[in-house]
Amino acid sequence: MQIDDLDRTIVPLLVERAAYVRRAADFKSDPGDLAAPARQAVVYENVRRIARDHGGDPALIERLYRRLVTEYIAEETAFFDEKP
């Protein structure tokens, strides 16, 4: 039950994050800008720090975020390709 409770908190936050990713696609004019490797590096360092601050495994959290970001980039790419 505790994991289910956490999922009820986490999933809406992931949905909200996806909405921000889609909005970011509106400001990008070139599909090459979607991956934004410099921004990804900042995100990964931030989540590693947050994990450490909370007693978590920074490497695990970074791996999870790398997968998450990959999926968000795919979503952003599809959204970008649909823009008029």
PDB file of N, CA and C in Angstrom:
ATOM      1  N   MET A   1       0.804  -1.201   0.000  1.00  0.00           N
ATOM      2  CA  MET A   1       0.000   0.000   0.000  1.00  0.00           C
ATOM      3  C   MET A   1       0.852   1.272   0.000  1.00  0.00           C
ATOM      4  N   GLN A   2       1.969   1.276   0.687  1.00  0.00           N
ATOM      5  CA  GLN A   2       2.790   2.485   0.726  1.00  0.00           C
ATOM      6  C   GLN A   2       3.343   2.824  -0.652  1.00  0.00           C
ATOM      7  N   ILE A   3       3.712   1.799  -1.427  1.00  0.00           N
ATOM      8  CA  ILE A   3       4.193   2.053  -2.780  1.00  0.00           C
ATOM      9  C   ILE A   3       3.068   2.633  -3.623  1.00  0.00           C
ATOM     10  N   ASP A   4       1.866   2.105  -3.470  1.00  0.00           N
ATOM     11  CA  ASP A   4       0.721   2.650  -4.215  1.00  0.00           C
ATOM     12  C   ASP A   4       0.481   4.114  -3.846  1.00  0.00           C
ATOM     13  N   ASP A   5       0.619   4.433  -2.578  1.00  0.00           N
ATOM     14  CA  ASP A   5       0.457   5.829  -2.140  1.00  0.00           C
ATOM     15  C   ASP A   5       1.511   6.726  -2.794  1.00  0.00           C
ATOM     16  N   LEU A   6       2.738   6.235  -2.837  1.00  0.00           N
ATOM     17  CA  LEU A   6       3.801   7.012  -3.489  1.00  0.00           C
ATOM     18  C   LEU A   6       3.508   7.200  -4.973  1.00  0.00           C
ATOM     19  N   ASP A   7       3.031   6.133  -5.618  1.00  0.00           N
ATOM     20  CA  ASP A   7       2.704   6.239  -7.040  1.00  0.00           C
ATOM     21  C   ASP A   7       1.625   7.283  -7.294  1.00  0.00           C
ATOM     22  N   ARG A   8       0.674   7.401  -6.374  1.00  0.00           N
ATOM     23  CA  ARG A   8      -0.377   8.422  -6.527  1.00  0.00           C
ATOM     24  C   ARG A   8       0.206   9.832  -6.414  1.00  0.00           C
ATOM     25  N   THR A   9       1.347   9.963  -5.789  1.00  0.00           N
ATOM     26  CA  THR A   9       2.037  11.255  -5.719  1.00  0.00           C
ATOM     27  C   THR A   9       2.958  11.444  -6.916  1.00  0.00           C
ATOM     28  N   ILE A  10       3.697  10.403  -7.272  1.00  0.00           N
ATOM     29  CA  ILE A  10       4.711  10.495  -8.326  1.00  0.00           C
ATOM     30  C   ILE A  10       4.096  10.668  -9.713  1.00  0.00           C
ATOM     31  N   VAL A  11       3.087   9.875 -10.043  1.00  0.00           N
ATOM     32  CA  VAL A  11       2.537   9.895 -11.405  1.00  0.00           C
ATOM     33  C   VAL A  11       1.997  11.269 -11.797  1.00  0.00           C
ATOM     34  N   PRO A  12       1.226  11.942 -10.958  1.00  0.00           N
ATOM     35  CA  PRO A  12       0.795  13.295 -11.346  1.00  0.00           C
ATOM     36  C   PRO A  12       1.975  14.251 -11.570  1.00  0.00           C
ATOM     37  N   LEU A  13       3.039  14.080 -10.831  1.00  0.00           N
ATOM     38  CA  LEU A  13       4.217  14.921 -11.031  1.00  0.00           C
ATOM     39  C   LEU A  13       4.900  14.610 -12.366  1.00  0.00           C
ATOM     40  N   LEU A  14       4.922  13.355 -12.744  1.00  0.00           N
ATOM     41  CA  LEU A  14       5.481  12.986 -14.052  1.00  0.00           C
ATOM     42  C   LEU A  14       4.629  13.550 -15.181  1.00  0.00           C
ATOM     43  N   VAL A  15       3.322  13.519 -15.001  1.00  0.00           N
ATOM     44  CA  VAL A  15       2.413  14.097 -15.998  1.00  0.00           C
ATOM     45  C   VAL A  15       2.660  15.604 -16.112  1.00  0.00           C
ATOM     46  N   GLU A  16       2.820  16.256 -14.986  1.00  0.00           N
ATOM     47  CA  GLU A  16       3.103  17.694 -14.993  1.00  0.00           C
ATOM     48  C   GLU A  16       4.437  17.978 -15.682  1.00  0.00           C
ATOM     49  N   ARG A  17       5.439  17.153 -15.397  1.00  0.00           N
ATOM     50  CA  ARG A  17       6.750  17.333 -16.030  1.00  0.00           C
ATOM     51  C   ARG A  17       6.634  17.185 -17.545  1.00  0.00           C
ATOM     52  N   ALA A  18       5.841  16.212 -17.999  1.00  0.00           N
ATOM     53  CA  ALA A  18       5.635  16.002 -19.431  1.00  0.00           C
ATOM     54  C   ALA A  18       4.997  17.231 -20.077  1.00  0.00           C
ATOM     55  N   ALA A  19       4.098  17.882 -19.376  1.00  0.00           N
ATOM     56  CA  ALA A  19       3.465  19.093 -19.915  1.00  0.00           C
ATOM     57  C   ALA A  19       4.503  20.200 -20.119  1.00  0.00           C
ATOM     58  N   TYR A  20       5.429  20.325 -19.193  1.00  0.00           N
ATOM     59  CA  TYR A  20       6.495  21.323 -19.342  1.00  0.00           C
ATOM     60  C   TYR A  20       7.402  20.980 -20.521  1.00  0.00           C
ATOM     61  N   VAL A  21       7.666  19.701 -20.700  1.00  0.00           N
ATOM     62  CA  VAL A  21       8.492  19.268 -21.830  1.00  0.00           C
ATOM     63  C   VAL A  21       7.809  19.637 -23.143  1.00  0.00           C
ATOM     64  N   ARG A  22       6.504  19.406 -23.218  1.00  0.00           N
ATOM     65  CA  ARG A  22       5.772  19.769 -24.443  1.00  0.00           C
ATOM     66  C   ARG A  22       5.807  21.275 -24.681  1.00  0.00           C
ATOM     67  N   ARG A  23       5.652  22.046 -23.619  1.00  0.00           N
ATOM     68  CA  ARG A  23       5.719  23.511 -23.770  1.00  0.00           C
ATOM     69  C   ARG A  23       7.086  23.949 -24.262  1.00  0.00           C
ATOM     70  N   ALA A  24       8.117  23.269 -23.798  1.00  0.00           N
ATOM     71  CA  ALA A  24       9.481  23.620 -24.228  1.00  0.00           C
ATOM     72  C   ALA A  24       9.640  23.429 -25.730  1.00  0.00           C
ATOM     73  N   ALA A  25       8.954  22.446 -26.297  1.00  0.00           N
ATOM     74  CA  ALA A  25       9.041  22.206 -27.742  1.00  0.00           C
ATOM     75  C   ALA A  25       8.535  23.408 -28.523  1.00  0.00           C
ATOM     76  N   ASP A  26       7.605  24.165 -27.955  1.00  0.00           N
ATOM     77  CA  ASP A  26       7.080  25.352 -28.628  1.00  0.00           C
ATOM     78  C   ASP A  26       8.148  26.426 -28.832  1.00  0.00           C
ATOM     79  N   PHE A  27       9.155  26.428 -27.983  1.00  0.00           N
ATOM     80  CA  PHE A  27      10.182  27.462 -28.044  1.00  0.00           C
ATOM     81  C   PHE A  27      11.396  27.046 -28.860  1.00  0.00           C
ATOM     82  N   LYS A  28      11.376  25.836 -29.357  1.00  0.00           N
ATOM     83  CA  LYS A  28      12.516  25.329 -30.110  1.00  0.00           C
ATOM     84  C   LYS A  28      12.177  25.330 -31.590  1.00  0.00           C
ATOM     85  N   SER A  29      13.096  25.829 -32.406  1.00  0.00           N
ATOM     86  CA  SER A  29      12.830  25.936 -33.833  1.00  0.00           C
ATOM     87  C   SER A  29      13.529  24.849 -34.635  1.00  0.00           C
ATOM     88  N   ASP A  30      14.446  24.141 -34.004  1.00  0.00           N
ATOM     89  CA  ASP A  30      15.222  23.127 -34.708  1.00  0.00           C
ATOM     90  C   ASP A  30      15.135  21.807 -33.942  1.00  0.00           C
ATOM     91  N   PRO A  31      14.837  20.709 -34.633  1.00  0.00           N
ATOM     92  CA  PRO A  31      14.748  19.429 -33.933  1.00  0.00           C
ATOM     93  C   PRO A  31      16.051  19.037 -33.231  1.00  0.00           C
ATOM     94  N   GLY A  32      17.168  19.579 -33.708  1.00  0.00           N
ATOM     95  CA  GLY A  32      18.452  19.309 -33.074  1.00  0.00           C
ATOM     96  C   GLY A  32      18.551  19.896 -31.673  1.00  0.00           C
ATOM     97  N   ASP A  33      17.673  20.842 -31.361  1.00  0.00           N
ATOM     98  CA  ASP A  33      17.684  21.469 -30.034  1.00  0.00           C
ATOM     99  C   ASP A  33      16.938  20.650 -28.985  1.00  0.00           C
ATOM    100  N   LEU A  34      16.217  19.627 -29.406  1.00  0.00           N
ATOM    101  CA  LEU A  34      15.357  18.900 -28.482  1.00  0.00           C
ATOM    102  C   LEU A  34      16.129  18.153 -27.402  1.00  0.00           C
ATOM    103  N   ALA A  35      17.225  17.517 -27.763  1.00  0.00           N
ATOM    104  CA  ALA A  35      17.958  16.707 -26.781  1.00  0.00           C
ATOM    105  C   ALA A  35      18.656  17.563 -25.735  1.00  0.00           C
ATOM    106  N   ALA A  36      19.134  18.732 -26.119  1.00  0.00           N
ATOM    107  CA  ALA A  36      19.765  19.686 -25.196  1.00  0.00           C
ATOM    108  C   ALA A  36      20.731  19.012 -24.209  1.00  0.00           C
ATOM    109  N   PRO A  37      21.838  18.464 -24.712  1.00  0.00           N
ATOM    110  CA  PRO A  37      22.761  17.722 -23.856  1.00  0.00           C
ATOM    111  C   PRO A  37      23.295  18.525 -22.668  1.00  0.00           C
ATOM    112  N   ALA A  38      23.531  19.801 -22.849  1.00  0.00           N
ATOM    113  CA  ALA A  38      24.022  20.612 -21.725  1.00  0.00           C
ATOM    114  C   ALA A  38      22.967  20.681 -20.618  1.00  0.00           C
ATOM    115  N   ARG A  39      21.717  20.826 -21.016  1.00  0.00           N
ATOM    116  CA  ARG A  39      20.632  20.858 -20.030  1.00  0.00           C
ATOM    117  C   ARG A  39      20.487  19.495 -19.346  1.00  0.00           C
ATOM    118  N   GLN A  40      20.618  18.429 -20.120  1.00  0.00           N
ATOM    119  CA  GLN A  40      20.552  17.092 -19.534  1.00  0.00           C
ATOM    120  C   GLN A  40      21.623  16.912 -18.456  1.00  0.00           C
ATOM    121  N   ALA A  41      22.824  17.371 -18.730  1.00  0.00           N
ATOM    122  CA  ALA A  41      23.915  17.243 -17.754  1.00  0.00           C
ATOM    123  C   ALA A  41      23.561  17.947 -16.450  1.00  0.00           C
ATOM    124  N   VAL A  42      22.934  19.114 -16.559  1.00  0.00           N
ATOM    125  CA  VAL A  42      22.506  19.856 -15.363  1.00  0.00           C
ATOM    126  C   VAL A  42      21.445  19.069 -14.604  1.00  0.00           C
ATOM    127  N   VAL A  43      20.485  18.526 -15.341  1.00  0.00           N
ATOM    128  CA  VAL A  43      19.412  17.743 -14.710  1.00  0.00           C
ATOM    129  C   VAL A  43      20.003  16.557 -13.959  1.00  0.00           C
ATOM    130  N   TYR A  44      20.919  15.833 -14.590  1.00  0.00           N
ATOM    131  CA  TYR A  44      21.490  14.640 -13.955  1.00  0.00           C
ATOM    132  C   TYR A  44      22.290  15.002 -12.709  1.00  0.00           C
ATOM    133  N   GLU A  45      23.024  16.074 -12.772  1.00  0.00           N
ATOM    134  CA  GLU A  45      23.770  16.495 -11.579  1.00  0.00           C
ATOM    135  C   GLU A  45      22.806  16.920 -10.473  1.00  0.00           C
ATOM    136  N   ASN A  46      21.751  17.621 -10.839  1.00  0.00           N
ATOM    137  CA  ASN A  46      20.749  18.037  -9.843  1.00  0.00           C
ATOM    138  C   ASN A  46      20.101  16.844  -9.163  1.00  0.00           C
ATOM    139  N   VAL A  47      19.687  15.845  -9.952  1.00  0.00           N
ATOM    140  CA  VAL A  47      19.001  14.705  -9.340  1.00  0.00           C
ATOM    141  C   VAL A  47      19.956  13.855  -8.512  1.00  0.00           C
ATOM    142  N   ARG A  48      21.224  13.811  -8.895  1.00  0.00           N
ATOM    143  CA  ARG A  48      22.216  13.103  -8.078  1.00  0.00           C
ATOM    144  C   ARG A  48      22.352  13.797  -6.718  1.00  0.00           C
ATOM    145  N   ARG A  49      22.407  15.119  -6.740  1.00  0.00           N
ATOM    146  CA  ARG A  49      22.520  15.881  -5.493  1.00  0.00           C
ATOM    147  C   ARG A  49      21.278  15.683  -4.622  1.00  0.00           C
ATOM    148  N   ILE A  50      20.112  15.754  -5.237  1.00  0.00           N
ATOM    149  CA  ILE A  50      18.868  15.561  -4.489  1.00  0.00           C
ATOM    150  C   ILE A  50      18.845  14.164  -3.866  1.00  0.00           C
ATOM    151  N   ALA A  51      19.268  13.168  -4.633  1.00  0.00           N
ATOM    152  CA  ALA A  51      19.301  11.797  -4.106  1.00  0.00           C
ATOM    153  C   ALA A  51      20.235  11.713  -2.904  1.00  0.00           C
ATOM    154  N   ARG A  52      21.428  12.292  -3.030  1.00  0.00           N
ATOM    155  CA  ARG A  52      22.382  12.290  -1.901  1.00  0.00           C
ATOM    156  C   ARG A  52      21.785  12.987  -0.692  1.00  0.00           C
ATOM    157  N   ASP A  53      21.146  14.126  -0.922  1.00  0.00           N
ATOM    158  CA  ASP A  53      20.557  14.900   0.183  1.00  0.00           C
ATOM    159  C   ASP A  53      19.487  14.108   0.933  1.00  0.00           C
ATOM    160  N   HIS A  54      18.869  13.155   0.240  1.00  0.00           N
ATOM    161  CA  HIS A  54      17.792  12.370   0.847  1.00  0.00           C
ATOM    162  C   HIS A  54      18.235  10.950   1.215  1.00  0.00           C
ATOM    163  N   GLY A  55      19.545  10.725   1.167  1.00  0.00           N
ATOM    164  CA  GLY A  55      20.061   9.416   1.562  1.00  0.00           C
ATOM    165  C   GLY A  55      19.865   8.329   0.524  1.00  0.00           C
ATOM    166  N   GLY A  56      19.622   8.736  -0.717  1.00  0.00           N
ATOM    167  CA  GLY A  56      19.414   7.760  -1.792  1.00  0.00           C
ATOM    168  C   GLY A  56      20.694   7.473  -2.552  1.00  0.00           C
ATOM    169  N   ASP A  57      20.585   6.600  -3.511  1.00  0.00           N
ATOM    170  CA  ASP A  57      21.701   6.199  -4.361  1.00  0.00           C
ATOM    171  C   ASP A  57      21.732   7.111  -5.598  1.00  0.00           C
ATOM    172  N   PRO A  58      22.694   8.025  -5.659  1.00  0.00           N
ATOM    173  CA  PRO A  58      22.742   8.957  -6.799  1.00  0.00           C
ATOM    174  C   PRO A  58      22.852   8.263  -8.150  1.00  0.00           C
ATOM    175  N   ALA A  59      23.593   7.175  -8.214  1.00  0.00           N
ATOM    176  CA  ALA A  59      23.760   6.469  -9.491  1.00  0.00           C
ATOM    177  C   ALA A  59      22.433   5.867  -9.961  1.00  0.00           C
ATOM    178  N   LEU A  60      21.677   5.287  -9.044  1.00  0.00           N
ATOM    179  CA  LEU A  60      20.374   4.722  -9.387  1.00  0.00           C
ATOM    180  C   LEU A  60      19.437   5.812  -9.892  1.00  0.00           C
ATOM    181  N   ILE A  61      19.381   6.910  -9.175  1.00  0.00           N
ATOM    182  CA  ILE A  61      18.487   8.000  -9.563  1.00  0.00           C
ATOM    183  C   ILE A  61      18.888   8.570 -10.916  1.00  0.00           C
ATOM    184  N   GLU A  62      20.192   8.700 -11.149  1.00  0.00           N
ATOM    185  CA  GLU A  62      20.629   9.190 -12.466  1.00  0.00           C
ATOM    186  C   GLU A  62      20.217   8.222 -13.566  1.00  0.00           C
ATOM    187  N   ARG A  63      20.378   6.916 -13.346  1.00  0.00           N
ATOM    188  CA  ARG A  63      19.968   5.937 -14.367  1.00  0.00           C
ATOM    189  C   ARG A  63      18.470   6.049 -14.654  1.00  0.00           C
ATOM    190  N   LEU A  64      17.680   6.177 -13.600  1.00  0.00           N
ATOM    191  CA  LEU A  64      16.232   6.320 -13.796  1.00  0.00           C
ATOM    192  C   LEU A  64      15.915   7.582 -14.579  1.00  0.00           C
ATOM    193  N   TYR A  65      16.580   8.667 -14.240  1.00  0.00           N
ATOM    194  CA  TYR A  65      16.324   9.930 -14.939  1.00  0.00           C
ATOM    195  C   TYR A  65      16.793   9.889 -16.376  1.00  0.00           C
ATOM    196  N   ARG A  66      17.871   9.184 -16.645  1.00  0.00           N
ATOM    197  CA  ARG A  66      18.319   9.056 -18.033  1.00  0.00           C
ATOM    198  C   ARG A  66      17.246   8.370 -18.875  1.00  0.00           C
ATOM    199  N   ARG A  67      16.631   7.347 -18.323  1.00  0.00           N
ATOM    200  CA  ARG A  67      15.543   6.673 -19.047  1.00  0.00           C
ATOM    201  C   ARG A  67      14.337   7.589 -19.185  1.00  0.00           C
ATOM    202  N   LEU A  68      14.021   8.280 -18.109  1.00  0.00           N
ATOM    203  CA  LEU A  68      12.899   9.210 -18.111  1.00  0.00           C
ATOM    204  C   LEU A  68      13.101  10.302 -19.166  1.00  0.00           C
ATOM    205  N   VAL A  69      14.265  10.899 -19.181  1.00  0.00           N
ATOM    206  CA  VAL A  69      14.561  11.971 -20.131  1.00  0.00           C
ATOM    207  C   VAL A  69      14.522  11.448 -21.563  1.00  0.00           C
ATOM    208  N   THR A  70      15.022  10.248 -21.783  1.00  0.00           N
ATOM    209  CA  THR A  70      14.963   9.656 -23.124  1.00  0.00           C
ATOM    210  C   THR A  70      13.522   9.569 -23.610  1.00  0.00           C
ATOM    211  N   GLU A  71      12.629   9.132 -22.725  1.00  0.00           N
ATOM    212  CA  GLU A  71      11.215   9.026 -23.094  1.00  0.00           C
ATOM    213  C   GLU A  71      10.590  10.404 -23.305  1.00  0.00           C
ATOM    214  N   TYR A  72      10.942  11.359 -22.469  1.00  0.00           N
ATOM    215  CA  TYR A  72      10.412  12.711 -22.646  1.00  0.00           C
ATOM    216  C   TYR A  72      10.909  13.327 -23.950  1.00  0.00           C
ATOM    217  N   ILE A  73      12.153  13.072 -24.316  1.00  0.00           N
ATOM    218  CA  ILE A  73      12.673  13.589 -25.588  1.00  0.00           C
ATOM    219  C   ILE A  73      11.910  12.969 -26.751  1.00  0.00           C
ATOM    220  N   ALA A  74      11.617  11.675 -26.672  1.00  0.00           N
ATOM    221  CA  ALA A  74      10.834  11.025 -27.729  1.00  0.00           C
ATOM    222  C   ALA A  74       9.447  11.669 -27.828  1.00  0.00           C
ATOM    223  N   GLU A  75       8.845  11.935 -26.683  1.00  0.00           N
ATOM    224  CA  GLU A  75       7.530  12.589 -26.649  1.00  0.00           C
ATOM    225  C   GLU A  75       7.616  14.003 -27.234  1.00  0.00           C
ATOM    226  N   GLU A  76       8.644  14.728 -26.831  1.00  0.00           N
ATOM    227  CA  GLU A  76       8.832  16.093 -27.324  1.00  0.00           C
ATOM    228  C   GLU A  76       9.075  16.088 -28.828  1.00  0.00           C
ATOM    229  N   THR A  77       9.822  15.116 -29.313  1.00  0.00           N
ATOM    230  CA  THR A  77      10.099  15.008 -30.748  1.00  0.00           C
ATOM    231  C   THR A  77       8.810  14.772 -31.524  1.00  0.00           C
ATOM    232  N   ALA A  78       7.978  13.862 -31.034  1.00  0.00           N
ATOM    233  CA  ALA A  78       6.707  13.598 -31.703  1.00  0.00           C
ATOM    234  C   ALA A  78       5.838  14.850 -31.700  1.00  0.00           C
ATOM    235  N   PHE A  79       5.793  15.549 -30.590  1.00  0.00           N
ATOM    236  CA  PHE A  79       5.018  16.780 -30.497  1.00  0.00           C
ATOM    237  C   PHE A  79       5.585  17.840 -31.443  1.00  0.00           C
ATOM    238  N   PHE A  80       6.910  17.948 -31.489  1.00  0.00           N
ATOM    239  CA  PHE A  80       7.578  18.915 -32.357  1.00  0.00           C
ATOM    240  C   PHE A  80       7.258  18.628 -33.815  1.00  0.00           C
ATOM    241  N   ASP A  81       7.262  17.344 -34.179  1.00  0.00           N
ATOM    242  CA  ASP A  81       6.985  16.964 -35.571  1.00  0.00           C
ATOM    243  C   ASP A  81       5.556  17.276 -35.988  1.00  0.00           C
ATOM    244  N   GLU A  82       4.645  17.392 -35.017  1.00  0.00           N
ATOM    245  CA  GLU A  82       3.251  17.701 -35.322  1.00  0.00           C
ATOM    246  C   GLU A  82       2.982  19.203 -35.426  1.00  0.00           C
ATOM    247  N   LYS A  83       3.976  20.012 -35.024  1.00  0.00           N
ATOM    248  CA  LYS A  83       3.763  21.468 -35.068  1.00  0.00           C
ATOM    249  C   LYS A  83       3.563  21.935 -36.498  1.00  0.00           C
ATOM    250  N   PRO A  84       2.693  22.933 -36.680  1.00  0.00           N
ATOM    251  CA  PRO A  84       2.466  23.453 -38.035  1.00  0.00           C
ATOM    252  C   PRO A  84       3.681  24.184 -38.567  1.00  0.00           C
TER     253      PRO A  84
END
